Each structure stands twice: as C-alpha cells, then as structure tokens.
Protein backbone atom coordinates (compact mmCIF):
# COMPACT_ATOMS: atom_id res chain seq x y z
CA UNK A 1 46.12 133.05 105.06
CA UNK A 2 46.18 130.66 108.08
CA UNK A 3 48.13 131.76 111.05
CA UNK A 4 48.41 128.93 113.59
CA UNK A 5 49.30 129.78 117.24
CA UNK A 6 49.91 126.67 119.39
CA UNK A 7 47.88 126.78 122.59
CA UNK A 8 49.19 126.21 126.17
CA UNK A 9 48.60 122.43 125.99
CA UNK A 10 50.26 122.15 122.48
CA UNK A 11 53.29 124.04 123.69
CA UNK A 12 53.56 121.91 126.80
CA UNK A 13 53.47 118.67 124.68
CA UNK A 14 55.31 120.19 121.67
CA UNK A 15 52.51 118.71 119.58
CA UNK A 16 49.55 120.21 117.71
CA UNK A 17 46.10 118.60 118.16
CA UNK A 18 45.16 116.26 115.30
CA UNK A 19 42.42 118.69 114.30
CA UNK A 20 44.86 121.58 114.01
CA UNK A 21 47.59 119.60 112.20
CA UNK A 22 45.00 118.54 109.67
CA UNK A 23 43.92 122.11 109.18
CA UNK A 24 47.51 123.24 108.66
CA UNK A 25 48.17 120.43 106.15
CA UNK A 26 44.93 121.12 104.29
CA UNK A 27 45.90 124.81 103.97
CA UNK A 28 49.39 123.87 102.62
CA UNK A 29 47.58 121.71 99.92
CA UNK A 30 45.12 124.45 98.95
CA UNK A 31 46.91 127.77 99.50
CA UNK A 32 50.48 126.54 99.30
CA UNK A 33 51.64 127.88 102.60
CA UNK A 34 50.94 128.27 106.51
CA UNK A 35 52.38 130.40 109.17
CA UNK A 36 53.02 129.03 112.61
CA UNK A 37 53.41 131.72 115.20
CA UNK A 38 55.66 131.90 118.20
CA UNK A 39 57.28 128.41 117.78
CA UNK A 40 60.90 129.55 118.16
CA UNK A 41 62.58 130.86 121.29
CA UNK A 42 63.46 134.52 120.97
CA UNK A 43 66.87 134.05 122.62
CA UNK A 44 67.83 131.52 119.88
CA UNK A 45 66.91 134.08 117.30
CA UNK A 46 68.93 136.74 119.07
CA UNK A 47 72.01 134.67 119.03
CA UNK A 48 71.55 133.78 115.36
CA UNK A 49 71.01 137.42 114.43
CA UNK A 50 74.15 138.56 116.22
CA UNK A 51 76.24 135.94 114.63
CA UNK A 52 74.75 136.40 111.12
CA UNK A 53 75.26 140.19 111.25
CA UNK A 54 78.93 139.56 112.02
CA UNK A 55 79.20 136.92 109.22
CA UNK A 56 77.61 139.41 106.79
CA UNK A 57 80.42 141.87 107.29
CA UNK A 58 82.79 139.14 106.32
CA UNK A 59 80.67 138.01 103.43
CA UNK A 60 80.59 141.57 102.04
CA UNK A 61 84.29 141.34 101.52
CA UNK A 62 83.81 138.67 98.83
CA UNK A 63 85.13 139.52 95.31
CA UNK A 64 81.80 138.21 93.82
CA UNK A 65 78.77 138.40 96.14
CA UNK A 66 76.26 135.53 96.04
CA UNK A 67 73.40 137.67 94.69
CA UNK A 68 69.88 136.17 94.20
CA UNK A 69 68.50 137.89 91.06
CA UNK A 70 68.99 141.47 92.15
CA UNK A 71 71.81 143.37 93.91
CA UNK A 72 71.36 143.33 97.73
CA UNK A 73 69.50 140.03 97.86
CA UNK A 74 72.26 137.73 99.15
CA UNK A 75 72.47 133.98 99.95
CA UNK A 76 73.77 133.72 103.43
CA UNK A 77 74.09 130.53 105.49
CA UNK A 78 73.44 130.41 109.15
CA UNK A 79 76.45 129.13 111.21
CA UNK A 80 76.48 125.24 111.16
CA UNK A 81 78.09 124.76 114.62
CA UNK A 82 77.33 125.07 118.29
CA UNK A 83 76.13 127.21 120.00
CA UNK A 84 74.11 128.47 116.99
CA UNK A 85 72.26 125.24 116.00
CA UNK A 86 68.94 125.06 117.78
CA UNK A 87 66.40 122.19 117.70
CA UNK A 88 63.40 124.53 117.40
CA UNK A 89 65.01 125.93 114.08
CA UNK A 90 66.54 122.79 112.49
CA UNK A 91 63.97 120.26 113.83
CA UNK A 92 61.05 122.23 115.01
CA UNK A 93 58.43 119.74 116.27
CA UNK A 94 55.42 121.59 115.14
CA UNK A 95 56.87 121.98 111.55
CA UNK A 96 57.84 118.26 111.64
CA UNK A 97 54.31 117.25 112.55
CA UNK A 98 52.73 119.40 109.75
CA UNK A 99 55.25 118.18 107.22
CA UNK A 100 54.55 114.52 107.99
CA UNK A 101 50.86 115.18 107.59
CA UNK A 102 51.43 116.91 104.29
CA UNK A 103 53.65 114.29 102.91
CA UNK A 104 51.78 111.39 104.33
CA UNK A 105 54.92 109.88 105.86
CA UNK A 106 58.64 110.46 106.30
CA UNK A 107 60.94 113.08 104.82
CA UNK A 108 64.49 114.52 104.97
CA UNK A 109 65.93 117.83 105.17
CA UNK A 110 67.99 118.62 102.16
CA UNK A 111 68.95 122.30 102.63
CA UNK A 112 70.19 124.67 105.28
CA UNK A 113 70.88 128.17 104.06
CA UNK A 114 69.14 131.53 103.92
CA UNK A 115 68.86 134.92 102.28
CA UNK A 116 69.72 138.38 103.52
CA UNK A 117 67.91 141.38 102.11
CA UNK A 118 70.13 144.52 102.43
CA UNK A 119 68.78 148.00 102.91
CA UNK A 120 67.86 149.75 99.66
CA UNK A 121 67.10 146.66 97.53
CA UNK A 122 64.62 146.48 94.71
CA UNK A 123 62.00 143.70 94.39
CA UNK A 124 63.10 140.31 93.09
CA UNK A 125 61.36 138.83 90.08
CA UNK A 126 58.46 136.67 91.15
CA UNK A 127 59.53 133.13 90.86
CA UNK A 128 59.09 129.50 92.00
CA UNK A 129 62.09 127.74 93.71
CA UNK A 130 61.12 124.75 91.65
CA UNK A 131 58.42 123.58 89.29
CA UNK A 132 56.10 120.61 88.78
CA UNK A 133 58.11 117.21 88.90
CA UNK A 134 56.52 116.07 85.63
CA UNK A 135 55.87 117.72 82.35
CA UNK A 136 52.41 117.75 80.58
CA UNK A 137 50.44 117.74 83.81
CA UNK A 138 46.99 119.30 83.82
CA UNK A 139 46.83 119.72 87.57
CA UNK A 140 49.66 120.14 90.10
CA UNK A 141 50.72 117.12 92.02
CA UNK A 142 50.65 116.90 95.90
CA UNK A 143 53.53 118.59 97.71
CA UNK A 144 56.88 116.86 97.46
CA UNK A 145 58.93 119.61 99.02
CA UNK A 146 58.38 122.25 101.56
CA UNK A 147 60.52 125.26 102.30
CA UNK A 148 60.78 126.22 105.92
CA UNK A 149 61.51 129.90 106.54
CA UNK A 150 62.62 131.36 109.90
CA UNK A 151 63.23 135.06 110.54
CA UNK A 152 65.56 136.34 113.29
CA UNK A 153 63.43 139.52 113.91
CA UNK A 154 60.03 140.97 113.04
CA UNK A 155 59.64 141.24 109.26
CA UNK A 156 57.05 143.56 107.80
CA UNK A 157 56.56 145.46 104.51
CA UNK A 158 59.06 148.04 105.67
CA UNK A 159 62.04 145.60 105.86
CA UNK A 160 61.09 143.29 103.08
CA UNK A 161 58.56 140.66 103.94
CA UNK A 162 58.18 137.99 101.31
CA UNK A 163 55.41 138.43 98.60
CA UNK A 164 53.41 135.14 98.38
CA UNK A 165 51.01 134.10 95.57
CA UNK A 166 48.38 131.70 97.06
CA UNK A 167 47.50 128.66 95.08
CA UNK A 168 50.15 129.10 92.41
CA UNK A 169 51.85 125.75 93.47
CA UNK A 170 48.97 123.97 91.73
CA UNK A 171 49.58 125.72 88.34
CA UNK A 172 50.91 123.08 86.00
CA UNK A 173 52.56 125.12 83.34
CA UNK A 174 55.76 125.66 85.28
CA UNK A 175 57.87 122.38 85.26
CA UNK A 176 61.03 121.30 86.91
CA UNK A 177 64.00 122.60 84.84
CA UNK A 178 61.96 125.48 83.31
CA UNK A 179 62.89 129.17 83.88
CA UNK A 180 61.69 129.70 87.52
CA UNK A 181 60.83 133.38 86.88
CA UNK A 182 57.17 133.95 86.02
CA UNK A 183 56.66 135.86 82.83
CA UNK A 184 54.85 139.20 83.13
CA UNK A 185 51.75 138.24 81.11
CA UNK A 186 51.10 135.20 83.23
CA UNK A 187 51.81 137.20 86.36
CA UNK A 188 49.33 139.96 85.63
CA UNK A 189 46.61 137.46 84.67
CA UNK A 190 47.21 135.77 87.98
CA UNK A 191 47.10 139.10 89.90
CA UNK A 192 43.54 139.82 88.53
CA UNK A 193 42.39 136.29 89.57
CA UNK A 194 44.14 136.04 92.93
CA UNK A 195 46.51 138.89 94.06
CA UNK A 196 49.57 138.22 96.24
CA UNK A 197 49.75 138.64 99.95
CA UNK A 198 52.75 139.60 102.18
CA UNK A 199 54.26 137.06 104.53
CA UNK A 200 54.76 139.32 107.49
CA UNK A 201 56.31 137.41 110.38
CA UNK A 202 56.91 138.22 113.99
CA UNK A 203 60.14 137.14 115.65
CA UNK A 204 59.57 133.41 116.54
CA UNK A 205 57.18 132.71 113.54
CA UNK A 206 57.82 130.02 110.98
CA UNK A 207 56.56 129.95 107.35
CA UNK A 208 56.12 126.59 105.69
CA UNK A 209 55.46 126.92 101.86
CA UNK A 210 55.30 124.54 98.92
CA UNK A 211 58.59 124.83 96.98
CA UNK A 212 56.52 125.51 93.83
CA UNK A 213 54.72 128.49 95.12
CA UNK A 214 55.31 131.79 93.40
CA UNK A 215 57.05 134.43 95.58
CA UNK A 216 59.55 137.12 95.56
CA UNK A 217 61.77 139.21 97.79
CA UNK A 218 60.56 142.79 98.18
CA UNK A 219 62.46 146.14 98.80
CA UNK A 220 64.02 146.60 102.28
CA UNK A 221 63.22 150.22 103.26
CA UNK A 222 64.74 149.87 106.73
CA UNK A 223 68.33 150.73 107.86
CA UNK A 224 69.38 147.13 108.65
CA UNK A 225 69.65 143.79 106.83
CA UNK A 226 66.67 141.49 106.96
CA UNK A 227 67.85 137.77 107.41
CA UNK A 228 65.77 134.70 106.76
CA UNK A 229 66.89 131.06 107.27
CA UNK A 230 65.57 128.41 104.86
CA UNK A 231 65.40 124.63 105.10
CA UNK A 232 63.84 122.36 102.58
CA UNK A 233 61.87 119.31 103.69
CA UNK A 234 61.87 116.67 100.92
CA UNK A 235 59.41 113.77 100.72
CA UNK A 236 61.06 110.34 101.62
CA UNK A 237 61.14 108.88 97.98
CA UNK A 238 63.05 111.82 96.41
CA UNK A 239 66.87 111.98 96.21
CA UNK A 240 68.44 113.56 99.32
CA UNK A 241 71.56 114.68 97.60
CA UNK A 242 74.77 115.18 99.59
CA UNK A 243 74.42 115.15 103.37
CA UNK A 244 74.37 118.60 105.02
CA UNK A 245 77.63 119.35 106.87
CA UNK A 246 77.59 120.54 110.54
CA UNK A 247 80.37 120.56 112.98
CA UNK A 248 80.52 118.10 115.79
CA UNK A 249 79.09 119.39 119.01
CA UNK A 250 75.52 120.14 117.88
CA UNK A 251 74.32 116.49 117.50
CA UNK A 252 71.64 116.81 120.11
CA UNK A 253 69.72 119.20 118.10
CA UNK A 254 68.94 116.42 115.51
CA UNK A 255 68.41 113.43 117.88
CA UNK A 256 65.01 111.63 117.66
CA UNK A 257 63.73 114.52 115.51
CA UNK A 258 61.04 112.48 113.67
CA UNK A 259 62.54 112.73 110.17
CA UNK A 260 65.88 112.19 108.36
CA UNK A 261 68.03 115.16 109.16
CA UNK A 262 70.51 114.07 106.36
CA UNK A 263 73.53 115.42 108.32
CA UNK A 264 77.18 114.58 108.39
CA UNK A 265 79.10 115.82 111.52
CA UNK A 266 82.76 116.83 111.02
CA UNK A 267 85.65 118.17 112.96
CA UNK A 268 86.95 120.12 109.92
CA UNK A 269 86.22 123.72 109.42
CA UNK A 270 83.18 124.50 107.11
CA UNK A 271 83.37 127.40 104.75
CA UNK A 272 79.72 128.38 105.16
CA UNK A 273 80.32 132.11 104.63
CA UNK A 274 81.90 132.06 101.07
CA UNK A 275 80.37 128.80 99.70
CA UNK A 276 77.45 130.38 97.86
CA UNK A 277 77.37 131.83 94.28
CA UNK A 278 75.15 134.33 92.37
CA UNK A 279 72.41 133.01 90.27
CA UNK A 280 70.44 134.79 87.56
CA UNK A 281 72.58 137.79 87.85
CA UNK A 282 73.92 139.76 84.82
CA UNK A 283 76.34 141.94 86.85
C-alpha cells in the first residue's frame, strides 16, 4: 500500500515531483489505489463535519433512508454551497496531478456525494462500484474512472475504515452492468491469493481508487457517524452525464482547476439532503 506524503517543496508549489507522480500513477495501475497524506486543510474538514452532522439529523427524518446495501450505511451528500465548498476537496491539486498521469490526459468530475456509516452497522457485501467497460476481456483495461474519497476525521478499524482488495480492478470477469457484489466463492479464492487491507485514513488524507476495485464498508464500532465524501474522476472520452449542481458563490473553488469540473451554478435551492435513494436493499 503506497502512502504518499508531499514534502515541503511540493506543498509550497502544490505539485508533486515528476518521479513521485509517476510512482503514484503506477501504484494505481497495479494495486488499484493510492493514499495521499495530509493534503486537505483540517479546518475545512472541521467545517464539513459540523455541517454534515447537522444535515444527518435532517436526513434521518426521511420516510425511506438512502441505504447502501445494509442498514446504517447511508448515502449522504456534502453541502454544495459556500462556505462548505473547498478547493482542496473538490479540485485537490495533488489528486488532479495523479489523475492526469493515470488517464494520460484530461478528465471530468462526474459525481459529488458520499456515504455515512452509522454506529452499530454490519459489514457491507464486498463489491465494485462498476465493472470492466467491455465484455469478454481476458485482462482488465487501463483505468477510466477514479473514485476520490475524503474523510472528515481520522478513520480506523474502530469507526469503519473501508476494506480494499488490491489488484481486483484488473480481474476481467466483472463487467459493467453485472451484479456489482462479489460472490462468496470468488471472494474466498481471492482472499487466499491476495487478502484485503484496510484503508485507514488520518484527517486530511485522500484515497484515490480505481472504480472497479473490490471494496466494502465495515462495522462502525464507535459512538459517532463516520462520514466519507466521494468524487468520481472520469476520463475525457467517456460521457459526463448531467452537470453537477452547486449554488452560486463557490465558483472560485473550481477556477483553473486543471480538469473539467462539470459544474452548473444556480441560485435555486438544491435538495442535496433528500435526493438520494436506497440501493440493493430488501428492507
């Protein structure tokens, strides 16, 4: 597992050395993920945590909760308006540099949401967020989408750090449109060959992972919710889908960001708290 901590010069320039960005990109190609340490200002995460805690209390009043697989794993969006939209979250320069190296060119952001793991949860089924783009492949294709995960506080085994299965993004049998859950027989065979690791993240860290990588939410044994924000960087030739909606007043966070932010700014209220729906949930 590669953990990359920018040095003093890289922090000053907001740019990794060419050697280090190549190392990060190579790790994404081979293992399916990389962790960049201390790349987000703690005060930005404090503000997001306070607001998302308040929003969660509103979300919990919903008639149908936006459950991800199991009870207590909720889809929860971060607030899409100032003063809660920060450049080091939505357009982190280190993440942008690594993504451009991985993709070999430009890309767009096509997702801005997150998941909240409530106290007392069980483990999610191990799954991939998406499969291979083409059927019948004998090897996995190069990355076309990267998930960027940001935590608002330290995340460990106690409060539900994500389980990651290195190298599984290259397994060709899981295609786009297939069941994204990994069947138990395949999972145990992979465990014997290459067991999973836990994506423990300190406050300020950022996880970049191939969208095909097998992973799963784990039990939160702490006494408070564990929130994790998610963006999806999508290679330039793929469909961007609808623009992401943000309120006017946070445009500066996206200016000259080095990629297509795929953003539409509006004066209208955005229902970001109740817009999500459950998936793979039998109720």
